[in-house]
């Protein structure tokens, strides 16, 4: 097991953005969840045991984007203009993409990342019974490649 050095830093505060002008901002984030072929087929055919996986993940992601400042302590609450959550099928995975628009003083990268992460976690939760092996482990299932694809300001 890796050793970690404890870091103590008692200084924590939100960055002061009061002097910044309101500007249109957009961020796009994406990530992937790798699943068994049978599970992917059940999601796409709408036969997953817990229901419509992608519709549920889309709603969960939207709620998470709206709650980002409550979930991540140093994020500012910001006005949201638009939230779009999309899914695409890949070779052995589903990719989630979150596009978030705002008109405020700070960017929306954390909101987009929170949306993608929550979408992928919701997919996992809804199909976990199909993903477990006989020992209750997840040999195929993994979430990866969560990243900011693009951010724009003032357009």
Protein backbone atom coordinates (compact mmCIF):
# COMPACT_ATOMS: atom_id res chain seq x y z
CA UNK A 1 0.00 0.00 0.00
CA UNK A 2 1.28 3.47 -0.88
CA UNK A 3 2.40 5.77 1.89
CA UNK A 4 0.97 9.26 2.09
CA UNK A 5 2.26 12.28 3.91
CA UNK A 6 -0.36 14.13 5.90
CA UNK A 7 -0.72 17.72 4.80
CA UNK A 8 -2.33 20.19 7.12
CA UNK A 9 -3.48 23.53 5.84
CA UNK A 10 -5.87 25.49 7.98
CA UNK A 11 -6.44 28.09 5.29
CA UNK A 12 -9.61 27.55 3.33
CA UNK A 13 -11.72 30.21 1.71
CA UNK A 14 -13.74 30.98 -1.36
CA UNK A 15 -11.97 33.17 -3.91
CA UNK A 16 -13.34 36.72 -3.92
CA UNK A 17 -15.10 37.25 -7.26
CA UNK A 18 -17.19 40.27 -6.32
CA UNK A 19 -15.20 42.63 -8.56
CA UNK A 20 -15.55 40.48 -11.67
CA UNK A 21 -18.10 41.27 -14.37
CA UNK A 22 -20.89 38.88 -15.27
CA UNK A 23 -19.92 37.03 -18.44
CA UNK A 24 -21.46 34.17 -20.38
CA UNK A 25 -19.55 30.99 -19.57
CA UNK A 26 -19.73 27.41 -20.77
CA UNK A 27 -17.98 24.20 -19.84
CA UNK A 28 -18.20 20.74 -21.36
CA UNK A 29 -17.01 17.68 -19.43
CA UNK A 30 -17.08 14.00 -20.28
CA UNK A 31 -16.29 10.63 -18.78
CA UNK A 32 -16.80 6.93 -19.41
CA UNK A 33 -18.17 3.90 -17.63
CA UNK A 34 -16.98 0.51 -18.85
CA UNK A 35 -19.52 -2.30 -18.52
CA UNK A 36 -20.11 -5.92 -19.56
CA UNK A 37 -21.55 -6.31 -23.06
CA UNK A 38 -24.76 -7.83 -21.63
CA UNK A 39 -25.21 -4.83 -19.36
CA UNK A 40 -24.65 -2.37 -22.19
CA UNK A 41 -27.22 -4.24 -24.27
CA UNK A 42 -29.77 -4.13 -21.42
CA UNK A 43 -29.26 -0.37 -21.01
CA UNK A 44 -29.66 0.30 -24.72
CA UNK A 45 -32.67 -2.03 -25.07
CA UNK A 46 -34.33 -0.60 -21.97
CA UNK A 47 -34.43 -3.93 -20.13
CA UNK A 48 -32.29 -3.08 -17.07
CA UNK A 49 -33.86 -4.30 -13.84
CA UNK A 50 -34.01 -0.87 -12.17
CA UNK A 51 -35.60 0.88 -15.15
CA UNK A 52 -34.48 3.45 -17.69
CA UNK A 53 -30.82 3.86 -16.77
CA UNK A 54 -29.90 6.79 -19.00
CA UNK A 55 -33.03 8.82 -18.23
CA UNK A 56 -32.41 8.38 -14.51
CA UNK A 57 -28.72 9.26 -14.91
CA UNK A 58 -29.68 12.39 -16.88
CA UNK A 59 -32.00 13.59 -14.10
CA UNK A 60 -29.43 12.77 -11.39
CA UNK A 61 -26.72 14.65 -13.29
CA UNK A 62 -28.95 17.69 -13.74
CA UNK A 63 -29.72 17.78 -10.02
CA UNK A 64 -26.03 17.40 -9.19
CA UNK A 65 -25.05 20.30 -11.46
CA UNK A 66 -27.59 22.48 -9.63
CA UNK A 67 -26.21 21.36 -6.23
CA UNK A 68 -22.48 21.67 -7.02
CA UNK A 69 -21.86 24.59 -4.66
CA UNK A 70 -23.51 22.63 -1.85
CA UNK A 71 -21.47 19.49 -2.58
CA UNK A 72 -18.06 21.07 -3.16
CA UNK A 73 -17.37 23.51 -0.30
CA UNK A 74 -15.36 26.23 -2.06
CA UNK A 75 -17.53 26.44 -5.20
CA UNK A 76 -19.61 29.57 -5.57
CA UNK A 77 -23.35 29.25 -6.11
CA UNK A 78 -23.83 30.52 -9.64
CA UNK A 79 -26.75 31.26 -11.94
CA UNK A 80 -27.25 28.47 -14.45
CA UNK A 81 -28.64 29.16 -17.87
CA UNK A 82 -28.52 25.70 -19.41
CA UNK A 83 -27.66 22.09 -18.56
CA UNK A 84 -27.42 19.38 -21.21
CA UNK A 85 -26.53 15.77 -20.39
CA UNK A 86 -25.90 13.41 -23.30
CA UNK A 87 -24.77 9.80 -23.66
CA UNK A 88 -22.97 7.94 -26.43
CA UNK A 89 -22.16 4.26 -26.81
CA UNK A 90 -18.56 3.26 -27.33
CA UNK A 91 -16.67 -0.03 -27.57
CA UNK A 92 -17.47 -1.53 -24.15
CA UNK A 93 -18.48 1.75 -22.52
CA UNK A 94 -21.00 4.53 -22.30
CA UNK A 95 -19.68 8.09 -22.45
CA UNK A 96 -21.51 10.82 -20.58
CA UNK A 97 -21.13 14.46 -21.57
CA UNK A 98 -22.33 17.47 -19.59
CA UNK A 99 -22.57 20.93 -21.14
CA UNK A 100 -23.30 23.71 -18.66
CA UNK A 101 -23.88 27.39 -19.41
CA UNK A 102 -23.90 30.27 -16.96
CA UNK A 103 -23.90 34.05 -16.94
CA UNK A 104 -21.84 34.93 -13.94
CA UNK A 105 -18.51 35.83 -12.40
CA UNK A 106 -16.89 32.39 -12.34
CA UNK A 107 -16.59 29.34 -14.57
CA UNK A 108 -18.78 26.26 -14.66
CA UNK A 109 -16.15 23.52 -14.95
CA UNK A 110 -16.91 22.08 -11.53
CA UNK A 111 -20.62 21.95 -12.35
CA UNK A 112 -19.94 20.07 -15.61
CA UNK A 113 -17.55 17.66 -13.86
CA UNK A 114 -20.04 17.07 -11.05
CA UNK A 115 -22.77 16.35 -13.58
CA UNK A 116 -20.67 13.83 -15.49
CA UNK A 117 -19.47 12.11 -12.31
CA UNK A 118 -23.01 11.80 -10.98
CA UNK A 119 -24.34 10.51 -14.30
CA UNK A 120 -21.70 7.76 -14.35
CA UNK A 121 -22.20 6.86 -10.69
CA UNK A 122 -25.95 6.63 -11.29
CA UNK A 123 -25.41 4.28 -14.22
CA UNK A 124 -23.19 2.11 -12.00
CA UNK A 125 -25.77 2.08 -9.21
CA UNK A 126 -28.56 1.07 -11.55
CA UNK A 127 -26.68 -1.86 -13.12
CA UNK A 128 -24.44 -3.03 -10.29
CA UNK A 129 -26.36 -6.28 -9.77
CA UNK A 130 -25.68 -7.23 -13.42
CA UNK A 131 -22.02 -6.23 -13.18
CA UNK A 132 -21.00 -8.29 -10.12
CA UNK A 133 -19.23 -11.60 -10.55
CA UNK A 134 -19.86 -14.68 -8.39
CA UNK A 135 -17.64 -13.22 -5.65
CA UNK A 136 -19.53 -9.91 -5.61
CA UNK A 137 -16.69 -8.04 -7.32
CA UNK A 138 -16.72 -5.77 -10.37
CA UNK A 139 -14.07 -7.17 -12.74
CA UNK A 140 -15.14 -5.10 -15.76
CA UNK A 141 -16.90 -2.07 -14.33
CA UNK A 142 -14.88 1.11 -14.05
CA UNK A 143 -15.28 4.82 -14.43
CA UNK A 144 -12.49 6.68 -16.19
CA UNK A 145 -11.44 9.63 -18.29
CA UNK A 146 -13.48 12.26 -16.44
CA UNK A 147 -12.21 15.55 -17.76
CA UNK A 148 -13.02 19.05 -18.93
CA UNK A 149 -13.26 18.85 -22.70
CA UNK A 150 -13.69 22.56 -23.30
CA UNK A 151 -14.50 25.81 -21.56
CA UNK A 152 -15.54 29.11 -23.07
CA UNK A 153 -15.90 32.59 -21.66
CA UNK A 154 -17.67 35.65 -23.04
CA UNK A 155 -19.10 34.22 -26.23
